[in-house]
C-alpha cells in the first residue's frame, strides 16, 4: 500500500512542479492525475499496491470533501449573489457530461460488438 500512496504522491508532485514552473492556471494535482492516467494507459494495467491505496482513499473520500462543504457554507453571501451563474454552469456542465458519457458508451458498445463479431 505504501508503494501505491508513494506513486500517487510522486505524480502529484510532478504535476505541482510543472504547474509552478510554467505558471499554469491548472492545479498541479490535476496535471499529476493526467500524467498518472497516461502512465497507466502506457503500462496497460495497474498494480496491486496502487489499487489497494486507491480503494482505501476512496473509502474515506467523504472526509476529504467535508472541509470543502464547510468552506462553501462560510461563503453563503457570495454564493447567493452568484446563484444564477452557478445554476447555469451546473445545468450546462451536467448536459455536456451526459452527452459525452452517452457518446463514450456508444463507442465502447460498438467496439465490443466488433470484437464479438471476429
N, C-alpha and C. Protein backbone atom coordinates (compact mmCIF):
# COMPACT_ATOMS: atom_id res chain seq x y z
N UNK A 1 0.82 -1.19 0.00
CA UNK A 1 0.00 0.00 0.00
C UNK A 1 0.88 1.27 0.00
N UNK A 2 2.01 1.21 0.67
CA UNK A 2 2.91 2.36 0.72
C UNK A 2 3.42 2.72 -0.67
N UNK A 3 3.70 1.68 -1.47
CA UNK A 3 4.16 1.92 -2.84
C UNK A 3 3.08 2.64 -3.65
N UNK A 4 1.82 2.28 -3.43
CA UNK A 4 0.72 2.92 -4.14
C UNK A 4 0.54 4.38 -3.74
N UNK A 5 0.60 4.66 -2.45
CA UNK A 5 0.47 6.05 -1.98
C UNK A 5 1.66 6.86 -2.47
N UNK A 6 2.84 6.27 -2.44
CA UNK A 6 4.03 6.96 -2.94
C UNK A 6 3.89 7.27 -4.43
N UNK A 7 3.33 6.35 -5.19
CA UNK A 7 3.10 6.58 -6.62
C UNK A 7 2.17 7.77 -6.82
N UNK A 8 1.08 7.81 -6.06
CA UNK A 8 0.14 8.93 -6.17
C UNK A 8 0.82 10.25 -5.82
N UNK A 9 1.61 10.23 -4.76
CA UNK A 9 2.29 11.46 -4.33
C UNK A 9 3.35 11.91 -5.34
N UNK A 10 4.05 10.97 -5.95
CA UNK A 10 5.05 11.33 -6.96
C UNK A 10 4.39 12.02 -8.15
N UNK A 11 3.26 11.46 -8.62
CA UNK A 11 2.58 12.09 -9.76
C UNK A 11 2.00 13.44 -9.37
N UNK A 12 1.51 13.58 -8.14
CA UNK A 12 1.03 14.88 -7.70
C UNK A 12 2.18 15.88 -7.63
N UNK A 13 3.32 15.43 -7.13
CA UNK A 13 4.50 16.30 -7.04
C UNK A 13 4.95 16.76 -8.42
N UNK A 14 4.97 15.84 -9.38
CA UNK A 14 5.35 16.20 -10.75
C UNK A 14 4.38 17.24 -11.30
N UNK A 15 3.10 17.03 -11.07
CA UNK A 15 2.10 17.99 -11.53
C UNK A 15 2.26 19.35 -10.88
N UNK A 16 2.51 19.36 -9.56
CA UNK A 16 2.71 20.63 -8.86
C UNK A 16 3.95 21.36 -9.38
N UNK A 17 5.02 20.62 -9.60
CA UNK A 17 6.26 21.23 -10.12
C UNK A 17 6.03 21.85 -11.49
N UNK A 18 5.34 21.12 -12.36
CA UNK A 18 5.07 21.65 -13.71
C UNK A 18 4.16 22.87 -13.66
N UNK A 19 3.16 22.83 -12.77
CA UNK A 19 2.25 23.97 -12.65
C UNK A 19 2.99 25.22 -12.17
N UNK A 20 3.90 25.05 -11.21
CA UNK A 20 4.67 26.19 -10.70
C UNK A 20 5.72 26.65 -11.72
N UNK A 21 6.40 25.70 -12.36
CA UNK A 21 7.46 26.01 -13.31
C UNK A 21 6.94 26.81 -14.51
N UNK A 22 5.81 26.37 -15.05
CA UNK A 22 5.25 27.02 -16.23
C UNK A 22 4.15 28.01 -15.90
N UNK A 23 3.92 28.26 -14.60
CA UNK A 23 2.90 29.20 -14.11
C UNK A 23 1.54 28.93 -14.75
N UNK A 24 1.12 27.67 -14.69
CA UNK A 24 -0.15 27.26 -15.29
C UNK A 24 -1.31 27.59 -14.36
N UNK A 25 -2.46 27.81 -14.94
CA UNK A 25 -3.67 28.09 -14.16
C UNK A 25 -4.32 26.80 -13.65
N UNK A 26 -3.93 25.68 -14.24
CA UNK A 26 -4.48 24.37 -13.85
C UNK A 26 -3.78 23.90 -12.58
N UNK A 27 -4.54 23.40 -11.60
CA UNK A 27 -3.90 22.91 -10.37
C UNK A 27 -2.94 21.75 -10.66
N UNK A 28 -1.86 21.71 -9.89
CA UNK A 28 -0.86 20.67 -10.08
C UNK A 28 -1.40 19.27 -9.86
N UNK A 29 -2.38 19.13 -8.96
CA UNK A 29 -2.97 17.82 -8.72
C UNK A 29 -3.67 17.28 -9.96
N UNK A 30 -4.30 18.17 -10.71
CA UNK A 30 -4.97 17.75 -11.94
C UNK A 30 -3.94 17.34 -13.00
N UNK A 31 -2.88 18.11 -13.11
CA UNK A 31 -1.82 17.76 -14.06
C UNK A 31 -1.21 16.41 -13.69
N UNK A 32 -0.96 16.20 -12.41
CA UNK A 32 -0.43 14.92 -11.94
C UNK A 32 -1.38 13.77 -12.24
N UNK A 33 -2.68 14.02 -12.10
CA UNK A 33 -3.66 12.97 -12.38
C UNK A 33 -3.65 12.60 -13.86
N UNK A 34 -3.48 13.61 -14.72
CA UNK A 34 -3.40 13.34 -16.16
C UNK A 34 -2.16 12.51 -16.47
N UNK A 35 -1.03 12.85 -15.85
CA UNK A 35 0.19 12.06 -16.06
C UNK A 35 0.04 10.64 -15.53
N UNK A 36 -0.65 10.48 -14.40
CA UNK A 36 -0.91 9.14 -13.87
C UNK A 36 -1.77 8.35 -14.85
N UNK A 37 -2.78 9.00 -15.42
CA UNK A 37 -3.63 8.34 -16.41
C UNK A 37 -2.79 7.90 -17.62
N UNK A 38 -1.94 8.79 -18.12
CA UNK A 38 -1.09 8.44 -19.26
C UNK A 38 -0.15 7.28 -18.91
N UNK A 39 0.41 7.31 -17.70
CA UNK A 39 1.28 6.23 -17.24
C UNK A 39 0.54 4.89 -17.23
N UNK A 40 -0.68 4.90 -16.71
CA UNK A 40 -1.45 3.66 -16.65
C UNK A 40 -1.89 3.19 -18.03
N UNK A 41 -2.17 4.13 -18.93
CA UNK A 41 -2.53 3.75 -20.30
C UNK A 41 -1.34 3.12 -21.00
N UNK A 42 -0.17 3.72 -20.86
CA UNK A 42 1.03 3.17 -21.49
C UNK A 42 1.42 1.82 -20.88
N UNK A 43 1.21 1.69 -19.59
CA UNK A 43 1.54 0.43 -18.90
C UNK A 43 0.51 -0.66 -19.20
N UNK A 44 -0.70 -0.24 -19.59
CA UNK A 44 -1.82 -1.10 -19.95
C UNK A 44 -2.41 -1.88 -18.78
N UNK A 45 -1.98 -1.57 -17.57
CA UNK A 45 -2.60 -2.17 -16.39
C UNK A 45 -2.10 -1.43 -15.16
N UNK A 46 -2.80 -1.65 -14.08
CA UNK A 46 -2.41 -1.04 -12.81
C UNK A 46 -1.58 -2.06 -12.04
N UNK A 47 -1.25 -1.76 -10.79
CA UNK A 47 -0.58 -2.75 -9.95
C UNK A 47 -1.26 -2.78 -8.60
N UNK A 48 -1.09 -3.88 -7.91
CA UNK A 48 -1.86 -4.18 -6.70
C UNK A 48 -1.72 -3.09 -5.64
N UNK A 49 -0.53 -2.59 -5.42
CA UNK A 49 -0.32 -1.58 -4.37
C UNK A 49 -1.10 -0.31 -4.69
N UNK A 50 -1.14 0.09 -5.95
CA UNK A 50 -1.89 1.29 -6.34
C UNK A 50 -3.38 1.05 -6.17
N UNK A 51 -3.86 -0.11 -6.60
CA UNK A 51 -5.27 -0.44 -6.44
C UNK A 51 -5.69 -0.41 -4.98
N UNK A 52 -4.88 -1.00 -4.12
CA UNK A 52 -5.19 -1.03 -2.68
C UNK A 52 -5.24 0.37 -2.11
N UNK A 53 -4.29 1.20 -2.47
CA UNK A 53 -4.23 2.57 -1.96
C UNK A 53 -5.44 3.38 -2.43
N UNK A 54 -5.79 3.24 -3.70
CA UNK A 54 -6.91 3.99 -4.26
C UNK A 54 -8.21 3.56 -3.58
N UNK A 55 -8.42 2.25 -3.40
CA UNK A 55 -9.65 1.80 -2.74
C UNK A 55 -9.70 2.28 -1.29
N UNK A 56 -8.57 2.32 -0.63
CA UNK A 56 -8.52 2.81 0.75
C UNK A 56 -8.87 4.29 0.79
N UNK A 57 -8.30 5.08 -0.13
CA UNK A 57 -8.60 6.51 -0.17
C UNK A 57 -10.05 6.78 -0.54
N UNK A 58 -10.60 6.00 -1.46
CA UNK A 58 -11.99 6.19 -1.85
C UNK A 58 -12.95 5.89 -0.70
N UNK A 59 -12.57 4.98 0.17
CA UNK A 59 -13.41 4.66 1.32
C UNK A 59 -13.57 5.87 2.23
N UNK A 60 -12.54 6.71 2.30
CA UNK A 60 -12.57 7.88 3.17
C UNK A 60 -12.80 9.18 2.41
N UNK A 61 -13.26 9.10 1.17
CA UNK A 61 -13.48 10.28 0.35
C UNK A 61 -14.42 11.31 0.99
N UNK A 62 -15.51 10.90 1.63
CA UNK A 62 -16.37 11.91 2.26
C UNK A 62 -15.65 12.77 3.29
N UNK A 63 -14.66 12.23 3.97
CA UNK A 63 -13.90 13.03 4.92
C UNK A 63 -13.05 14.09 4.23
N UNK A 64 -12.63 13.82 2.99
CA UNK A 64 -11.86 14.80 2.23
C UNK A 64 -12.76 15.91 1.69
N UNK A 65 -14.03 15.60 1.45
CA UNK A 65 -14.97 16.57 0.89
C UNK A 65 -15.54 17.48 1.98
N UNK A 66 -15.60 17.02 3.20
CA UNK A 66 -16.21 17.79 4.28
C UNK A 66 -15.62 19.19 4.46
N UNK A 67 -14.31 19.40 4.46
CA UNK A 67 -13.80 20.77 4.60
C UNK A 67 -14.26 21.69 3.47
N UNK A 68 -14.40 21.18 2.28
CA UNK A 68 -14.89 21.99 1.16
C UNK A 68 -16.33 22.42 1.41
N UNK A 69 -17.13 21.49 1.91
CA UNK A 69 -18.53 21.82 2.20
C UNK A 69 -18.63 22.89 3.27
N UNK A 70 -17.79 22.82 4.28
CA UNK A 70 -17.78 23.83 5.33
C UNK A 70 -17.33 25.18 4.75
N UNK A 71 -16.35 25.15 3.87
CA UNK A 71 -15.89 26.37 3.22
C UNK A 71 -16.99 27.02 2.38
N UNK A 72 -17.79 26.20 1.74
CA UNK A 72 -18.91 26.73 0.95
C UNK A 72 -19.90 27.44 1.86
N UNK A 73 -20.17 26.89 3.03
CA UNK A 73 -21.14 27.50 3.94
C UNK A 73 -20.64 28.84 4.47
N UNK A 74 -19.34 29.03 4.56
CA UNK A 74 -18.82 30.32 5.04
C UNK A 74 -18.90 31.39 3.95
N UNK A 75 -19.10 30.99 2.70
CA UNK A 75 -19.20 31.93 1.58
C UNK A 75 -20.63 32.05 1.07
N UNK A 76 -21.60 31.89 1.96
CA UNK A 76 -23.01 31.87 1.56
C UNK A 76 -23.43 33.15 0.84
N UNK A 77 -22.97 34.31 1.29
CA UNK A 77 -23.36 35.58 0.66
C UNK A 77 -22.88 35.64 -0.79
N UNK A 78 -21.66 35.22 -1.03
CA UNK A 78 -21.11 35.21 -2.39
C UNK A 78 -21.89 34.26 -3.27
N UNK A 79 -22.20 33.10 -2.73
CA UNK A 79 -22.97 32.10 -3.49
C UNK A 79 -24.36 32.62 -3.81
N UNK A 80 -24.99 33.28 -2.85
CA UNK A 80 -26.33 33.84 -3.08
C UNK A 80 -26.30 34.90 -4.18
N UNK A 81 -25.25 35.71 -4.22
CA UNK A 81 -25.14 36.75 -5.25
C UNK A 81 -24.91 36.17 -6.64
N UNK A 82 -24.25 35.04 -6.71
CA UNK A 82 -23.90 34.41 -7.99
C UNK A 82 -24.73 33.17 -8.28
N UNK A 83 -25.89 33.05 -7.65
CA UNK A 83 -26.70 31.83 -7.75
C UNK A 83 -27.09 31.51 -9.19
N UNK A 84 -27.49 32.51 -9.97
CA UNK A 84 -27.91 32.26 -11.35
C UNK A 84 -26.76 31.73 -12.19
N UNK A 85 -25.58 32.32 -12.06
CA UNK A 85 -24.41 31.86 -12.82
C UNK A 85 -24.03 30.45 -12.40
N UNK A 86 -24.10 30.17 -11.11
CA UNK A 86 -23.77 28.83 -10.61
C UNK A 86 -24.76 27.81 -11.15
N UNK A 87 -26.05 28.14 -11.11
CA UNK A 87 -27.08 27.23 -11.59
C UNK A 87 -26.93 26.96 -13.08
N UNK A 88 -26.66 28.01 -13.86
CA UNK A 88 -26.47 27.84 -15.31
C UNK A 88 -25.26 26.95 -15.60
N UNK A 89 -24.17 27.18 -14.91
CA UNK A 89 -22.98 26.37 -15.16
C UNK A 89 -23.21 24.91 -14.75
N UNK A 90 -23.95 24.69 -13.68
CA UNK A 90 -24.27 23.31 -13.28
C UNK A 90 -25.13 22.61 -14.32
N UNK A 91 -26.13 23.30 -14.84
CA UNK A 91 -27.02 22.70 -15.84
C UNK A 91 -26.25 22.41 -17.13
N UNK A 92 -25.49 23.40 -17.61
CA UNK A 92 -24.73 23.21 -18.85
C UNK A 92 -23.66 22.13 -18.67
N UNK A 93 -22.96 22.15 -17.54
CA UNK A 93 -21.94 21.14 -17.28
C UNK A 93 -22.52 19.73 -17.20
N UNK A 94 -23.68 19.62 -16.56
CA UNK A 94 -24.34 18.31 -16.48
C UNK A 94 -24.75 17.83 -17.86
N UNK A 95 -25.29 18.73 -18.67
CA UNK A 95 -25.70 18.36 -20.03
C UNK A 95 -24.50 17.91 -20.86
N UNK A 96 -23.39 18.64 -20.77
CA UNK A 96 -22.19 18.26 -21.51
C UNK A 96 -21.67 16.90 -21.04
N UNK A 97 -21.69 16.67 -19.74
CA UNK A 97 -21.24 15.39 -19.20
C UNK A 97 -22.12 14.24 -19.67
N UNK A 98 -23.42 14.47 -19.68
CA UNK A 98 -24.33 13.42 -20.15
C UNK A 98 -24.10 13.11 -21.63
N UNK A 99 -23.92 14.15 -22.44
CA UNK A 99 -23.67 13.94 -23.88
C UNK A 99 -22.36 13.18 -24.09
N UNK A 100 -21.33 13.58 -23.39
CA UNK A 100 -20.03 12.92 -23.51
C UNK A 100 -20.13 11.46 -23.08
N UNK A 101 -20.81 11.21 -21.94
CA UNK A 101 -20.94 9.83 -21.45
C UNK A 101 -21.73 8.97 -22.42
N UNK A 102 -22.79 9.53 -22.99
CA UNK A 102 -23.60 8.77 -23.95
C UNK A 102 -22.78 8.42 -25.19
N UNK A 103 -22.02 9.38 -25.70
CA UNK A 103 -21.18 9.13 -26.88
C UNK A 103 -20.09 8.10 -26.57
N UNK A 104 -19.49 8.21 -25.40
CA UNK A 104 -18.46 7.25 -25.00
C UNK A 104 -19.04 5.85 -24.89
N UNK A 105 -20.22 5.72 -24.28
CA UNK A 105 -20.86 4.41 -24.18
C UNK A 105 -21.18 3.85 -25.56
N UNK A 106 -21.62 4.71 -26.46
CA UNK A 106 -21.92 4.28 -27.82
C UNK A 106 -20.66 3.73 -28.50
N UNK A 107 -19.55 4.43 -28.34
CA UNK A 107 -18.28 3.99 -28.93
C UNK A 107 -17.84 2.67 -28.31
N UNK A 108 -17.90 2.57 -27.00
CA UNK A 108 -17.46 1.34 -26.33
C UNK A 108 -18.34 0.15 -26.68
N UNK A 109 -19.64 0.36 -26.77
CA UNK A 109 -20.54 -0.74 -27.14
C UNK A 109 -20.27 -1.19 -28.56
N UNK A 110 -20.05 -0.24 -29.48
CA UNK A 110 -19.77 -0.64 -30.87
C UNK A 110 -18.44 -1.39 -30.97
N UNK A 111 -17.44 -0.97 -30.19
CA UNK A 111 -16.16 -1.69 -30.20
C UNK A 111 -16.32 -3.10 -29.64
N UNK A 112 -17.12 -3.24 -28.59
CA UNK A 112 -17.35 -4.55 -28.01
C UNK A 112 -18.08 -5.46 -28.99
N UNK A 113 -19.05 -4.90 -29.71
CA UNK A 113 -19.77 -5.69 -30.70
C UNK A 113 -18.83 -6.12 -31.84
N UNK A 114 -17.91 -5.24 -32.25
CA UNK A 114 -16.96 -5.57 -33.29
C UNK A 114 -16.03 -6.69 -32.85
N UNK A 115 -15.64 -6.67 -31.58
CA UNK A 115 -14.76 -7.74 -31.06
C UNK A 115 -15.48 -9.08 -31.05
N UNK A 116 -16.75 -9.08 -30.69
CA UNK A 116 -17.50 -10.34 -30.64
C UNK A 116 -17.81 -10.89 -32.03
N UNK A 117 -17.82 -10.03 -33.05
CA UNK A 117 -18.09 -10.50 -34.41
C UNK A 117 -16.89 -11.25 -34.99
N UNK A 118 -15.68 -10.89 -34.52
CA UNK A 118 -14.47 -11.53 -35.07
C UNK A 118 -14.19 -12.73 -34.32
